[in-house]
Amino acid sequence: MPSNQSSLSLIMNLFRIILVALAVWIIIRLWQSRKTKSKQVSRKTPGKAIPTMVPCAVCAMHIPDSEALKRGDKYYCSQQHLDADT
């Protein structure tokens, strides 16, 4: 039967091994998450600019100004709304 001193020594050694393994695991996880974040940032490429949205003078639906029909200072979402607001 082992003595209490050797049992305690064995438990402390196992505890140290577990703590070191946990620390190594945490360091690896942090390194991987930083690596993943840096890849995500580097993948971002400048895309198209967000178009200016304008409301239709008839129904108030917002549409990109590049697709809107314009008469004076008013914008329209369709030819029907342009014709209806005369």
Protein backbone atom coordinates (compact mmCIF):
# COMPACT_ATOMS: atom_id res chain seq x y z
CA MET A 1 0.00 0.00 0.00
CA PRO A 2 1.50 3.36 -1.00
CA SER A 3 2.15 5.94 1.63
CA ASN A 4 0.18 9.15 1.87
CA GLN A 5 3.24 11.16 0.79
CA SER A 6 3.66 9.25 -2.48
CA SER A 7 -0.11 9.43 -3.20
CA LEU A 8 -0.08 13.15 -2.64
CA SER A 9 3.00 13.49 -4.85
CA LEU A 10 1.31 11.48 -7.61
CA ILE A 11 -1.85 13.62 -7.41
CA MET A 12 0.20 16.85 -7.52
CA ASN A 13 2.15 15.60 -10.55
CA LEU A 14 -1.09 14.69 -12.37
CA PHE A 15 -2.52 18.09 -11.47
CA ARG A 16 0.57 19.83 -12.92
CA ILE A 17 0.32 17.79 -16.10
CA ILE A 18 -3.35 18.69 -16.47
CA LEU A 19 -2.62 22.40 -15.90
CA VAL A 20 0.20 22.42 -18.45
CA ALA A 21 -1.97 20.60 -21.00
CA LEU A 22 -4.81 23.07 -20.38
CA ALA A 23 -2.47 26.05 -20.81
CA VAL A 24 -1.10 24.62 -24.06
CA TRP A 25 -4.64 24.00 -25.34
CA ILE A 26 -5.70 27.57 -24.50
CA ILE A 27 -2.64 29.02 -26.23
CA ILE A 28 -3.29 26.94 -29.35
CA ARG A 29 -6.96 27.98 -29.44
CA LEU A 30 -6.08 31.67 -29.08
CA TRP A 31 -3.46 31.40 -31.82
CA GLN A 32 -5.94 29.69 -34.15
CA SER A 33 -8.66 32.27 -33.51
CA ARG A 34 -6.25 35.13 -34.23
CA LYS A 35 -5.10 33.37 -37.38
CA THR A 36 -8.72 32.93 -38.52
CA LYS A 37 -9.56 36.56 -37.78
CA SER A 38 -6.57 37.80 -39.75
CA LYS A 39 -7.64 35.67 -42.73
CA GLN A 40 -11.16 37.11 -42.55
CA VAL A 41 -9.84 40.66 -42.51
CA SER A 42 -7.47 39.99 -45.39
CA ARG A 43 -10.25 38.43 -47.48
CA LYS A 44 -12.29 41.59 -47.40
CA THR A 45 -11.97 43.35 -50.68
CA PRO A 46 -13.32 46.74 -51.45
CA GLY A 47 -16.69 46.10 -52.99
CA LYS A 48 -19.18 48.27 -54.69
CA ALA A 49 -20.12 51.44 -52.89
CA ILE A 50 -23.52 51.42 -51.25
CA PRO A 51 -25.86 53.36 -53.53
CA THR A 52 -27.78 56.36 -52.31
CA MET A 53 -31.38 55.36 -51.65
CA VAL A 54 -34.19 57.74 -52.54
CA PRO A 55 -37.92 57.48 -51.74
CA CYS A 56 -40.54 57.28 -54.45
CA ALA A 57 -42.70 60.41 -54.43
CA VAL A 58 -45.87 58.27 -54.73
CA CYS A 59 -45.40 55.15 -52.59
CA ALA A 60 -42.33 56.17 -50.51
CA MET A 61 -40.52 52.91 -51.34
CA HIS A 62 -36.77 53.49 -51.24
CA ILE A 63 -34.83 52.57 -54.36
CA PRO A 64 -31.25 53.21 -55.50
CA ASP A 65 -30.96 56.60 -57.13
CA SER A 66 -29.30 54.97 -60.13
CA GLU A 67 -32.51 52.99 -60.82
CA ALA A 68 -35.01 55.73 -59.97
CA LEU A 69 -36.86 57.78 -62.52
CA LYS A 70 -36.45 61.48 -61.81
CA ARG A 71 -38.58 64.48 -62.67
CA GLY A 72 -37.50 67.78 -61.15
CA ASP A 73 -36.46 67.08 -57.58
CA LYS A 74 -38.75 64.03 -57.19
CA TYR A 75 -37.86 60.36 -57.66
CA TYR A 76 -40.16 57.55 -58.80
CA CYS A 77 -39.87 53.78 -58.59
CA SER A 78 -41.75 53.07 -61.83
CA GLN A 79 -43.10 54.69 -64.96
CA GLN A 80 -46.67 54.28 -63.61
CA HIS A 81 -45.85 56.33 -60.52
CA LEU A 82 -44.09 58.97 -62.60
CA ASP A 83 -47.16 59.24 -64.84
CA ALA A 84 -49.57 59.20 -61.87
CA ASP A 85 -47.87 62.15 -60.14
CA THR A 86 -48.41 64.81 -62.78
